Amino acid sequence: MSIAEAKKYIRDLHKKQENPYLWPDFLTGLPDKASIIKRLEDVYPKLGQYAVVYVRIANIHPYLIKYGPDRHADIIQWAAAILKTTCDRCKECFVGTVGTHDFVVMCETRNIVKHIKEAQKAFNRQVESYYVKEDLKSRTTLSFSRNGEVVHVGLIRMKAVVIDHATSIERTLLIREMGKASDTVESGDQDIVVM
């Protein structure tokens, strides 16, 4: 996956966005929740052979507070483009959007961690260009004091929760539960967590 491929994806997306009926999600060009639910019906019984990944753009809200919304759509589109172009190399891979900053990837288990790490690396490199040097050096978007303790909020990152084996979580609740797990992962140090 290269930045050039992702740029091409965004260029093509902007052309297709001229007719919003061509895409389920206007901003990203990715399938939406209905498509995710349909694809999950096929994948869920095959968990183990297939994996489901909930991907979140972490720390975007502190970025928006500090830098403003001018690049908000760009950040979301870069995440979508990088996930999609990275996963397009695997014919069984599916990428959809489940929320403004959240995505779901379904792919063969043997390929999933490689795809997600590659996407994270490219995305994290791309969004670093949106920061001033001081923030990049300190690896912090915002700092504040809470009850006498200094809190540092890091840079925007792509974080992921993976289910790569059969689970006791019902299919109808899986995406919701993975979203809840992403809340915890977002503030943690790990970029990929396997449930």
Protein backbone atom coordinates (compact mmCIF):
# COMPACT_ATOMS: atom_id res chain seq x y z
CA MET A 1 0.00 0.00 0.00
CA SER A 2 1.32 3.37 -0.85
CA ILE A 3 0.23 6.92 -0.30
CA ALA A 4 -0.05 7.25 -4.10
CA GLU A 5 -2.72 4.51 -4.18
CA ALA A 6 -4.63 6.19 -1.36
CA LYS A 7 -4.41 9.58 -3.15
CA LYS A 8 -5.84 7.97 -6.29
CA TYR A 9 -8.67 6.49 -4.23
CA ILE A 10 -9.53 9.93 -2.80
CA ARG A 11 -9.35 11.55 -6.25
CA ASP A 12 -11.74 8.90 -7.64
CA LEU A 13 -13.97 9.27 -4.58
CA HIS A 14 -14.30 13.01 -5.11
CA LYS A 15 -15.39 12.40 -8.72
CA LYS A 16 -17.99 9.84 -7.64
CA GLN A 17 -19.26 12.08 -4.84
CA GLU A 18 -20.73 14.37 -7.46
CA ASN A 19 -23.59 11.83 -7.61
CA PRO A 20 -24.39 10.81 -4.00
CA TYR A 21 -26.61 7.95 -5.17
CA LEU A 22 -23.55 6.01 -6.34
CA TRP A 23 -22.21 5.41 -2.83
CA PRO A 24 -23.82 4.29 0.42
CA ASP A 25 -21.58 6.60 2.49
CA PHE A 26 -21.02 9.95 0.83
CA LEU A 27 -17.95 10.97 2.84
CA THR A 28 -15.89 7.77 2.54
CA GLY A 29 -17.28 5.90 -0.45
CA LEU A 30 -17.43 2.77 1.70
CA PRO A 31 -20.38 0.47 2.34
CA ASP A 32 -22.45 1.48 5.36
CA LYS A 33 -23.96 -0.32 8.36
CA ALA A 34 -26.50 -2.29 6.33
CA SER A 35 -23.70 -3.77 4.21
CA ILE A 36 -21.65 -4.55 7.32
CA ILE A 37 -24.57 -6.43 8.87
CA LYS A 38 -25.13 -8.39 5.65
CA ARG A 39 -21.44 -9.29 5.30
CA LEU A 40 -21.28 -10.27 8.99
CA GLU A 41 -24.07 -12.82 8.41
CA ASP A 42 -21.68 -14.65 6.06
CA VAL A 43 -18.51 -14.19 8.10
CA TYR A 44 -19.75 -14.82 11.65
CA PRO A 45 -20.18 -18.61 11.29
CA LYS A 46 -16.63 -18.75 9.87
CA LEU A 47 -14.89 -16.78 12.65
CA GLY A 48 -11.46 -18.30 12.98
CA GLN A 49 -11.06 -18.64 9.23
CA TYR A 50 -12.20 -15.01 9.03
CA ALA A 51 -11.63 -12.14 11.43
CA VAL A 52 -13.65 -9.03 12.19
CA VAL A 53 -11.82 -5.81 13.05
CA TYR A 54 -13.32 -2.65 14.50
CA VAL A 55 -11.07 0.28 13.57
CA ARG A 56 -11.32 3.70 15.18
CA ILE A 57 -9.63 7.01 14.49
CA ALA A 58 -8.43 7.68 18.04
CA ASN A 59 -7.76 11.14 19.52
CA ILE A 60 -9.54 12.95 16.72
CA HIS A 61 -11.70 15.05 19.06
CA PRO A 62 -8.72 16.65 20.86
CA TYR A 63 -7.23 17.36 17.44
CA LEU A 64 -10.46 19.08 16.34
CA ILE A 65 -10.55 21.14 19.54
CA LYS A 66 -7.00 22.38 19.05
CA TYR A 67 -6.71 22.65 15.27
CA GLY A 68 -10.32 23.14 14.20
CA PRO A 69 -12.47 21.22 11.70
CA ASP A 70 -10.75 22.25 8.44
CA ARG A 71 -9.10 18.85 7.94
CA HIS A 72 -11.77 16.71 9.57
CA ALA A 73 -13.14 15.30 6.30
CA ASP A 74 -9.60 14.75 4.99
CA ILE A 75 -8.67 12.68 8.04
CA ILE A 76 -11.75 10.49 7.67
CA GLN A 77 -11.23 10.08 3.94
CA TRP A 78 -7.55 9.17 4.41
CA ALA A 79 -8.52 6.52 6.96
CA ALA A 80 -11.11 5.06 4.58
CA ALA A 81 -8.81 5.22 1.57
CA ILE A 82 -5.89 3.61 3.35
CA LEU A 83 -8.01 0.83 4.86
CA LYS A 84 -9.71 0.15 1.53
CA THR A 85 -6.59 0.18 -0.64
CA THR A 86 -4.63 -1.90 1.85
CA CYS A 87 -7.37 -4.52 2.10
CA ASP A 88 -8.12 -4.56 -1.64
CA ARG A 89 -5.08 -6.81 -2.12
CA CYS A 90 -7.03 -9.65 -0.55
CA LYS A 91 -10.05 -10.64 -2.63
CA GLU A 92 -12.08 -11.71 0.41
CA CYS A 93 -11.47 -8.48 2.35
CA PHE A 94 -14.37 -6.13 3.16
CA VAL A 95 -14.19 -2.59 4.57
CA GLY A 96 -17.24 -0.61 5.68
CA THR A 97 -18.02 2.44 7.78
CA VAL A 98 -20.02 2.07 10.96
CA GLY A 99 -19.72 5.66 12.16
CA THR A 100 -17.95 8.89 11.35
CA HIS A 101 -14.66 7.76 12.89
CA ASP A 102 -15.27 4.00 13.01
CA PHE A 103 -14.80 1.29 10.39
CA VAL A 104 -15.24 -2.47 10.20
CA VAL A 105 -12.89 -4.76 8.30
CA MET A 106 -13.62 -8.43 7.61
CA CYS A 107 -10.93 -10.57 6.07
CA GLU A 108 -9.25 -13.95 6.24
CA THR A 109 -7.64 -14.29 9.64
CA ARG A 110 -4.20 -15.10 8.25
CA ASN A 111 -4.01 -11.70 6.52
CA ILE A 112 -5.78 -9.41 8.94
CA VAL A 113 -3.07 -8.29 11.36
CA LYS A 114 -0.68 -7.60 8.48
CA HIS A 115 -3.31 -5.50 6.69
CA ILE A 116 -4.25 -3.54 9.80
CA LYS A 117 -0.63 -2.84 10.83
CA GLU A 118 0.17 -1.66 7.31
CA ALA A 119 -2.90 0.60 7.28
CA GLN A 120 -2.08 1.99 10.73
CA LYS A 121 1.48 2.80 9.73
CA ALA A 122 0.42 4.61 6.54
CA PHE A 123 -2.44 6.49 8.25
CA ASN A 124 -0.35 7.55 11.24
CA ARG A 125 2.38 8.82 8.91
CA GLN A 126 -0.18 10.75 6.82
CA VAL A 127 -1.92 12.50 9.74
CA GLU A 128 1.37 13.59 11.27
CA SER A 129 1.55 16.15 8.44
CA TYR A 130 -1.46 17.89 10.06
CA TYR A 131 0.43 18.76 13.27
CA VAL A 132 2.86 21.51 14.21
CA LYS A 133 6.43 20.45 15.01
CA GLU A 134 6.07 21.01 18.75
CA ASP A 135 3.16 18.57 18.99
CA LEU A 136 4.99 15.97 16.91
CA LYS A 137 8.07 16.28 19.08
CA SER A 138 6.09 15.88 22.32
CA ARG A 139 3.71 13.29 20.72
CA THR A 140 0.89 15.27 22.39
CA THR A 141 -2.12 17.12 21.00
CA LEU A 142 -3.40 18.57 24.28
CA SER A 143 -2.23 18.70 27.88
CA PHE A 144 -4.28 19.70 30.89
CA SER A 145 -4.42 19.27 34.63
CA ARG A 146 -7.13 17.18 36.29
CA ASN A 147 -7.19 16.94 40.08
CA GLY A 148 -3.55 17.98 40.22
CA GLU A 149 -2.45 15.36 37.69
CA VAL A 150 -1.20 16.41 34.26
CA VAL A 151 -2.95 14.56 31.43
CA HIS A 152 -1.39 14.33 27.97
CA VAL A 153 -3.59 13.43 25.00
CA GLY A 154 -1.62 11.86 22.16
CA LEU A 155 -1.74 12.30 18.42
CA ILE A 156 -4.45 10.95 16.13
CA ARG A 157 -3.93 7.23 15.66
CA MET A 158 -5.73 4.36 14.01
CA LYS A 159 -6.62 1.79 16.70
CA ALA A 160 -8.14 -1.66 16.18
CA VAL A 161 -10.03 -4.36 18.06
CA VAL A 162 -9.85 -7.83 16.48
CA ILE A 163 -11.96 -10.93 16.87
CA ASP A 164 -10.18 -13.74 15.05
CA HIS A 165 -11.85 -16.79 16.61
CA ALA A 166 -15.32 -18.09 17.46
CA THR A 167 -16.90 -16.04 20.23
CA SER A 168 -19.82 -16.28 22.64
CA ILE A 169 -20.92 -12.75 21.67
CA GLU A 170 -24.09 -12.97 19.59
CA ARG A 171 -23.73 -11.93 15.97
CA THR A 172 -26.34 -9.18 16.39
CA LEU A 173 -24.31 -7.66 19.26
CA LEU A 174 -20.80 -8.19 17.90
CA ILE A 175 -20.21 -4.80 16.28
CA ARG A 176 -21.70 -2.95 19.25
CA GLU A 177 -19.49 -4.87 21.71
CA MET A 178 -16.41 -4.27 19.57
CA GLY A 179 -17.28 -0.56 19.56
CA LYS A 180 -17.42 -0.58 23.36
CA ALA A 181 -14.04 -2.33 23.48
CA SER A 182 -12.68 0.37 21.16
CA ASP A 183 -13.56 2.97 23.80
CA THR A 184 -11.03 1.32 26.12
CA VAL A 185 -8.43 0.68 23.41
CA GLU A 186 -8.60 4.31 22.27
CA SER A 187 -7.10 5.58 25.51
CA GLY A 188 -4.60 2.74 25.88
CA ASP A 189 -1.08 2.22 24.59
CA GLN A 190 -1.82 -0.71 22.28
CA ASP A 191 -2.78 -0.08 18.66
CA ILE A 192 -4.26 -3.57 18.09
CA VAL A 193 -6.11 -5.59 20.72
CA VAL A 194 -7.45 -9.11 20.16
CA MET A 195 -10.68 -9.83 22.07
